[in-house]
Amino acid sequence: MSTHEQELALNILISKQDGVVHLDQARDHGMSHEAVRRRVAAKQWFPIAPRVYQVASYQPTPQAIIRAAVMSLGPDAVLVGEGAAWWWGLLETRPRRMTVAVGRTSRRRRRKEVDLAYRDVPARDRTTHKRLPVTTPVASVLDAAVSLGLVEGAKLVDTALQRRKVTVAALRAARTRRSGRPGAELLAALIALAEGGAVSEAERRTHARLRDAAIVGWVANLPIDLPGFGRAVLDVAFPGLKVVVEIDGWACHRDLKAFLRDADRQNALAAAGWIVVRTNWHEITGSPETFLANLRRVLAARG
C-alpha cells in the first residue's frame, strides 16, 4: 500500500472514530513516532488521553471523549453499565459518569473521564458497536438497570424491548447466569414486569394512590356493555360521573393490534358519554402526582 493510500485509509478510520485515533492505529497505517510528534507540534493533533489523539478538524464530542478514554485503557477495556446503554441509544441522557471494565487483574489507573470496574466481562457479554468495545445490549440493560433502580430501570428495559434490542427470554437467561451478583432481586422484579406483570402491578398501585389521595366514588374492574363494541371491563370507573381510568403496563406490549383495539374501545366509551383518563406503570410509579392532578381536573369538570 502506498503512502497516499495509507494516509487515506487512516483518515477514513479517524472519521469513523469521531476524530479520535490511537497511536498504535497511526503506526499501523505507516506513521512514525516522529510524524505523530510533528502533527502534535503543528496543532493538527492534540493528546486527549494516554496514547490517544484528537484530530483538530473534529469537535471533541462526548462520544469522542468516551471513545478516547476506553481506547487508552487497552484492548481488553469494555464500556459497561449506564454508559453502554447510552452508547446503544437506550438512554436519552448521557450518564454523568461512565464505567469501563478493565479486567480483574488489571493495573490500569483511573481516567478522569471514567470510573474503572475491575472485573472480567465474559466473551458472550461483549461486542463492538460503532467501533467501540461495549457490553451486548442484554448485558448493558441489566447492568444499567441495577444502578438505575426499579423505576428508571423499568423505563430502560421497556425502551430496549420496544426497540427490539433485547427479548424477555434473553434477559431472563442472562439474569439466571448472574444470579449471585448484586441486584438479582431487582432484575427478577423487572423481568416479571416485562413478562406482563406491569399491568396488574400498575392497577394495584393506582388503587393505592387513589386511596392515599382520599379520592372516592370509584369502582375497580367494572363490566359494562358498550353499543357497537360489546362487553368491556373498565379498569377504574367513576360511574356517577362517567369517568374511567384506563391503565396500561409497559409500551413494549402495545403493538399495532392492541393499539387499534384500545382505540375502538376508547371511541365507544366516548360515544357513550364517558371521559377517559389514561395512565401507565411508568407514570403511576414515577410521577403519580401528575396522574392525580389530571384526574382531579376531569372529576371537577364533571362534578
Protein backbone atom coordinates (compact mmCIF):
# COMPACT_ATOMS: atom_id res chain seq x y z
CA MET A 1 0.00 0.00 0.00
CA SER A 2 1.41 3.40 -0.97
CA THR A 3 1.91 6.26 1.48
CA HIS A 4 -1.04 8.08 -0.06
CA GLU A 5 -3.26 5.03 0.31
CA GLN A 6 -2.20 4.57 3.93
CA GLU A 7 -2.97 8.23 4.66
CA LEU A 8 -6.37 7.91 3.04
CA ALA A 9 -7.17 4.73 5.00
CA LEU A 10 -6.12 6.43 8.24
CA ASN A 11 -8.36 9.43 7.55
CA ILE A 12 -11.30 7.13 6.86
CA LEU A 13 -10.65 5.33 10.14
CA ILE A 14 -10.45 8.62 12.03
CA SER A 15 -13.76 9.77 10.52
CA LYS A 16 -15.41 6.58 11.83
CA GLN A 17 -13.98 7.17 15.30
CA ASP A 18 -15.31 10.67 16.00
CA GLY A 19 -11.97 12.23 15.05
CA VAL A 20 -10.02 10.10 17.54
CA VAL A 21 -7.00 7.91 16.78
CA HIS A 22 -4.79 5.67 18.89
CA LEU A 23 -1.02 5.81 18.46
CA ASP A 24 -0.93 2.11 17.52
CA GLN A 25 -3.51 2.73 14.79
CA ALA A 26 -1.41 5.56 13.37
CA ARG A 27 1.67 3.34 13.35
CA ASP A 28 -0.30 0.52 11.69
CA HIS A 29 -1.04 2.99 8.89
CA GLY A 30 2.60 3.79 8.30
CA MET A 31 3.12 6.80 10.59
CA SER A 32 6.29 7.01 12.66
CA HIS A 33 6.55 8.46 16.17
CA GLU A 34 8.27 11.46 14.65
CA ALA A 35 5.40 12.01 12.20
CA VAL A 36 2.92 11.93 15.08
CA ARG A 37 5.04 14.40 17.07
CA ARG A 38 5.13 16.75 14.08
CA ARG A 39 1.33 16.74 13.84
CA VAL A 40 1.05 17.45 17.57
CA ALA A 41 3.61 20.28 17.28
CA ALA A 42 1.65 21.74 14.35
CA LYS A 43 -1.56 21.50 16.44
CA GLN A 44 -3.13 19.24 13.84
CA TRP A 45 -3.49 16.57 16.52
CA PHE A 46 -3.62 17.02 20.28
CA PRO A 47 -3.47 14.47 23.09
CA ILE A 48 -6.88 13.61 24.55
CA ALA A 49 -5.88 10.52 26.58
CA PRO A 50 -2.69 8.45 27.03
CA ARG A 51 -1.51 7.37 23.54
CA VAL A 52 -4.76 8.72 22.01
CA TYR A 53 -5.15 11.86 19.92
CA GLN A 54 -7.99 14.09 18.79
CA VAL A 55 -7.69 15.44 15.25
CA ALA A 56 -8.09 19.22 15.35
CA SER A 57 -10.54 19.34 12.45
CA TYR A 58 -13.08 17.38 14.55
CA GLN A 59 -15.03 18.68 17.52
CA PRO A 60 -14.23 16.88 20.83
CA THR A 61 -17.74 15.49 21.32
CA PRO A 62 -18.86 13.44 24.37
CA GLN A 63 -18.64 10.36 22.14
CA ALA A 64 -15.05 11.22 21.24
CA ILE A 65 -14.06 11.76 24.87
CA ILE A 66 -15.52 8.42 25.97
CA ARG A 67 -14.05 6.64 22.97
CA ALA A 68 -10.61 8.05 23.74
CA ALA A 69 -10.82 7.03 27.40
CA VAL A 70 -11.78 3.45 26.52
CA MET A 71 -9.13 3.20 23.79
CA SER A 72 -6.45 4.43 26.19
CA LEU A 73 -7.20 1.63 28.64
CA GLY A 74 -6.11 -1.13 26.30
CA PRO A 75 -7.72 -3.75 24.06
CA ASP A 76 -9.43 -5.55 26.95
CA ALA A 77 -11.31 -2.46 28.17
CA VAL A 78 -15.10 -2.59 27.73
CA LEU A 79 -17.70 0.13 28.23
CA VAL A 80 -20.34 -1.20 30.67
CA GLY A 81 -23.44 -0.18 32.63
CA GLU A 82 -25.32 3.05 32.01
CA GLY A 83 -22.63 4.26 29.62
CA ALA A 84 -23.04 1.14 27.50
CA ALA A 85 -26.82 1.55 27.47
CA TRP A 86 -26.34 5.16 26.36
CA TRP A 87 -23.88 4.06 23.67
CA TRP A 88 -26.58 1.72 22.31
CA GLY A 89 -29.03 4.65 22.22
CA LEU A 90 -31.24 3.30 25.01
CA LEU A 91 -30.77 6.24 27.39
CA GLU A 92 -31.58 9.74 26.21
CA THR A 93 -29.28 11.50 28.65
CA ARG A 94 -25.59 10.71 28.80
CA PRO A 95 -24.68 9.48 32.28
CA ARG A 96 -22.61 11.88 34.35
CA ARG A 97 -20.01 9.17 34.88
CA MET A 98 -19.13 6.30 32.56
CA THR A 99 -17.80 2.95 33.76
CA VAL A 100 -15.23 0.86 31.92
CA ALA A 101 -14.40 -2.75 32.85
CA VAL A 102 -10.67 -3.38 32.61
CA GLY A 103 -10.27 -6.92 33.94
CA ARG A 104 -9.95 -8.24 37.47
CA THR A 105 -6.14 -8.27 37.48
CA SER A 106 -5.63 -5.05 35.54
CA ARG A 107 -3.31 -2.38 36.91
CA ARG A 108 -4.73 0.38 34.78
CA ARG A 109 -5.12 3.68 36.58
CA ARG A 110 -8.39 5.54 36.60
CA ARG A 111 -9.13 8.18 33.99
CA LYS A 112 -10.79 11.44 34.95
CA GLU A 113 -13.47 10.84 32.32
CA VAL A 114 -14.50 7.35 33.51
CA ASP A 115 -14.73 5.05 36.52
CA LEU A 116 -12.94 1.71 36.35
CA ALA A 117 -14.55 -1.63 37.21
CA TYR A 118 -12.01 -4.33 37.93
CA ARG A 119 -13.97 -7.30 36.64
CA ASP A 120 -13.80 -9.66 33.71
CA VAL A 121 -16.56 -9.38 31.09
CA PRO A 122 -17.33 -12.82 29.59
CA ALA A 123 -16.91 -13.09 25.83
CA ARG A 124 -20.65 -13.75 25.39
CA ASP A 125 -21.43 -10.40 27.06
CA ARG A 126 -19.12 -8.20 24.99
CA THR A 127 -19.18 -6.97 21.43
CA THR A 128 -18.21 -3.96 19.31
CA HIS A 129 -20.68 -1.20 18.49
CA LYS A 130 -19.71 1.87 16.48
CA ARG A 131 -16.11 0.68 16.65
CA LEU A 132 -16.02 0.65 20.46
CA PRO A 133 -15.78 -2.40 22.77
CA VAL A 134 -19.03 -2.46 24.73
CA THR A 135 -21.22 -4.98 26.51
CA THR A 136 -24.04 -6.52 24.48
CA PRO A 137 -27.48 -4.88 24.66
CA VAL A 138 -28.73 -7.53 27.11
CA ALA A 139 -25.74 -7.17 29.45
CA SER A 140 -25.82 -3.36 29.12
CA VAL A 141 -29.52 -3.20 30.00
CA LEU A 142 -29.18 -5.48 33.03
CA ASP A 143 -26.09 -3.69 34.39
CA ALA A 144 -27.64 -0.27 33.88
CA ALA A 145 -30.99 -1.30 35.39
CA VAL A 146 -29.28 -2.36 38.61
CA SER A 147 -27.64 1.05 39.02
CA LEU A 148 -30.75 2.98 37.94
CA GLY A 149 -33.18 1.25 40.31
CA LEU A 150 -36.71 -0.02 39.80
CA VAL A 151 -38.46 2.98 38.24
CA GLU A 152 -35.73 4.24 35.88
CA GLY A 153 -34.53 0.68 35.28
CA ALA A 154 -38.03 -0.27 34.16
CA LYS A 155 -38.07 2.59 31.66
CA LEU A 156 -34.79 1.36 30.25
CA VAL A 157 -35.96 -2.26 29.95
CA ASP A 158 -39.23 -1.13 28.37
CA THR A 159 -37.36 1.01 25.83
CA ALA A 160 -34.98 -1.83 24.95
CA LEU A 161 -37.91 -4.20 24.42
CA GLN A 162 -39.79 -1.64 22.31
CA ARG A 163 -36.79 -1.15 20.06
CA ARG A 164 -36.17 -4.89 19.88
CA LYS A 165 -32.64 -4.59 21.18
CA VAL A 166 -33.41 -7.36 23.67
CA THR A 167 -36.04 -10.01 24.31
CA VAL A 168 -37.59 -11.10 27.59
CA ALA A 169 -36.18 -14.60 27.08
CA ALA A 170 -32.65 -13.23 26.61
CA LEU A 171 -32.98 -11.02 29.68
CA ARG A 172 -34.23 -13.95 31.74
CA ALA A 173 -31.37 -16.21 30.61
CA ALA A 174 -28.76 -13.55 31.34
CA ARG A 175 -30.26 -12.85 34.77
CA THR A 176 -30.03 -16.55 35.61
CA ARG A 177 -26.32 -16.57 34.73
CA ARG A 178 -25.64 -13.66 37.07
CA SER A 179 -27.87 -14.84 39.93
CA GLY A 180 -25.13 -14.37 42.53
CA ARG A 181 -24.35 -10.77 41.60
CA PRO A 182 -25.81 -7.68 43.34
CA GLY A 183 -29.21 -6.59 42.09
CA ALA A 184 -30.57 -10.08 41.44
CA GLU A 185 -33.88 -9.36 43.21
CA LEU A 186 -34.36 -6.10 41.32
CA LEU A 187 -33.71 -7.81 37.98
CA ALA A 188 -36.18 -10.57 38.85
CA ALA A 189 -38.83 -7.92 39.56
CA LEU A 190 -38.11 -6.10 36.29
CA ILE A 191 -38.36 -9.30 34.26
CA ALA A 192 -41.64 -10.19 35.96
CA LEU A 193 -42.96 -6.78 34.93
CA ALA A 194 -41.66 -7.25 31.40
CA GLU A 195 -43.40 -10.62 31.12
CA GLY A 196 -46.77 -8.91 31.53
CA GLY A 197 -46.96 -8.20 35.23
CA ALA A 198 -46.70 -4.44 34.76
CA VAL A 199 -50.44 -4.04 34.13
CA SER A 200 -51.56 -5.77 37.31
CA GLU A 201 -48.86 -4.00 39.33
CA ALA A 202 -49.94 -0.66 37.84
CA GLU A 203 -53.54 -1.41 38.79
CA ARG A 204 -52.60 -2.20 42.38
CA ARG A 205 -50.52 0.95 42.66
CA THR A 206 -53.28 3.06 41.09
CA HIS A 207 -55.78 1.81 43.66
CA ALA A 208 -53.32 2.65 46.43
CA ARG A 209 -52.71 6.14 45.04
CA LEU A 210 -56.45 6.83 44.87
CA ARG A 211 -56.97 5.67 48.46
CA ASP A 212 -53.99 7.67 49.72
CA ALA A 213 -55.33 10.78 47.95
CA ALA A 214 -58.79 10.24 49.50
CA ILE A 215 -60.41 10.13 46.07
CA VAL A 216 -63.72 8.28 46.39
CA GLY A 217 -66.61 7.15 44.21
CA TRP A 218 -64.63 4.72 42.07
CA VAL A 219 -65.08 1.04 41.29
CA ALA A 220 -62.37 -1.31 40.04
CA ASN A 221 -62.95 -3.68 37.10
CA LEU A 222 -66.47 -2.53 36.31
CA PRO A 223 -68.11 -4.56 33.48
CA ILE A 224 -70.33 -2.61 31.08
CA ASP A 225 -71.86 -3.17 27.63
CA LEU A 226 -70.85 -0.57 25.03
CA PRO A 227 -73.05 -0.13 21.92
CA GLY A 228 -71.11 -1.08 18.81
CA PHE A 229 -68.29 -2.61 20.83
CA GLY A 230 -69.68 -5.14 23.25
CA ARG A 231 -68.67 -6.07 26.76
CA ALA A 232 -65.80 -4.08 28.30
CA VAL A 233 -64.28 -4.17 31.76
CA LEU A 234 -63.28 -0.71 32.95
CA ASP A 235 -60.05 -0.61 34.97
CA VAL A 236 -61.21 2.14 37.35
CA ALA A 237 -64.62 3.73 36.85
CA PHE A 238 -66.47 6.62 38.46
CA PRO A 239 -69.98 5.54 37.38
CA GLY A 240 -71.78 8.60 38.75
CA LEU A 241 -69.60 10.95 36.68
CA LYS A 242 -68.95 8.61 33.74
CA VAL A 243 -65.20 8.96 34.10
CA VAL A 244 -62.93 5.97 33.51
CA VAL A 245 -59.23 5.49 34.21
CA GLU A 246 -57.59 3.16 31.70
CA ILE A 247 -54.33 1.67 32.96
CA ASP A 248 -51.56 0.46 30.65
CA GLY A 249 -48.50 -1.56 31.54
CA TRP A 250 -45.35 -1.09 29.50
CA ALA A 251 -45.23 0.31 25.98
CA CYS A 252 -43.46 -2.82 24.70
CA HIS A 253 -46.77 -4.72 24.96
CA ARG A 254 -48.72 -2.20 22.85
CA ASP A 255 -48.38 -3.47 19.31
CA LEU A 256 -50.49 -2.19 16.42
CA LYS A 257 -53.26 -4.70 17.07
CA ALA A 258 -53.52 -3.70 20.73
CA PHE A 259 -53.41 -0.02 19.80
CA LEU A 260 -56.29 -0.38 17.34
CA ARG A 261 -58.35 -2.42 19.83
CA ASP A 262 -57.81 0.21 22.53
CA ALA A 263 -58.74 2.98 20.07
CA ASP A 264 -62.02 1.24 19.20
CA ARG A 265 -62.78 0.78 22.89
CA GLN A 266 -61.99 4.40 23.72
CA ASN A 267 -64.14 5.66 20.83
CA ALA A 268 -67.03 3.52 22.05
CA LEU A 269 -66.61 4.91 25.57
CA ALA A 270 -66.62 8.47 24.23
CA ALA A 271 -69.73 7.79 22.18
CA ALA A 272 -71.44 6.51 25.33
CA GLY A 273 -70.57 9.71 27.18
CA TRP A 274 -67.53 8.55 29.14
CA ILE A 275 -64.37 10.60 29.60
CA VAL A 276 -61.21 8.50 29.53
CA VAL A 277 -58.13 9.32 31.60
CA ARG A 278 -55.17 7.18 30.58
CA THR A 279 -52.21 6.32 32.78
CA ASN A 280 -49.48 3.69 32.80
CA TRP A 281 -47.00 1.90 35.01
CA HIS A 282 -44.27 4.48 34.49
CA GLU A 283 -46.49 7.42 35.46
CA ILE A 284 -48.02 5.68 38.46
CA THR A 285 -44.61 4.70 39.82
CA GLY A 286 -42.57 7.69 38.69
CA SER A 287 -44.88 10.71 38.83
CA PRO A 288 -48.22 9.76 40.42
CA GLU A 289 -48.87 13.41 41.28
CA THR A 290 -49.25 14.13 37.55
CA PHE A 291 -51.86 11.40 37.20
CA LEU A 292 -53.75 12.55 40.30
CA ALA A 293 -53.75 16.20 39.16
CA ASN A 294 -55.12 15.23 35.73
CA LEU A 295 -57.79 13.03 37.28
CA ARG A 296 -58.89 15.70 39.77
CA ARG A 297 -59.30 18.22 36.95
CA VAL A 298 -61.52 15.82 34.99
CA LEU A 299 -63.59 14.89 38.06
CA ALA A 300 -64.01 18.58 38.96
CA ALA A 301 -65.15 19.39 35.43
CA ARG A 302 -67.69 16.55 35.56
CA GLY A 303 -68.75 17.24 39.12
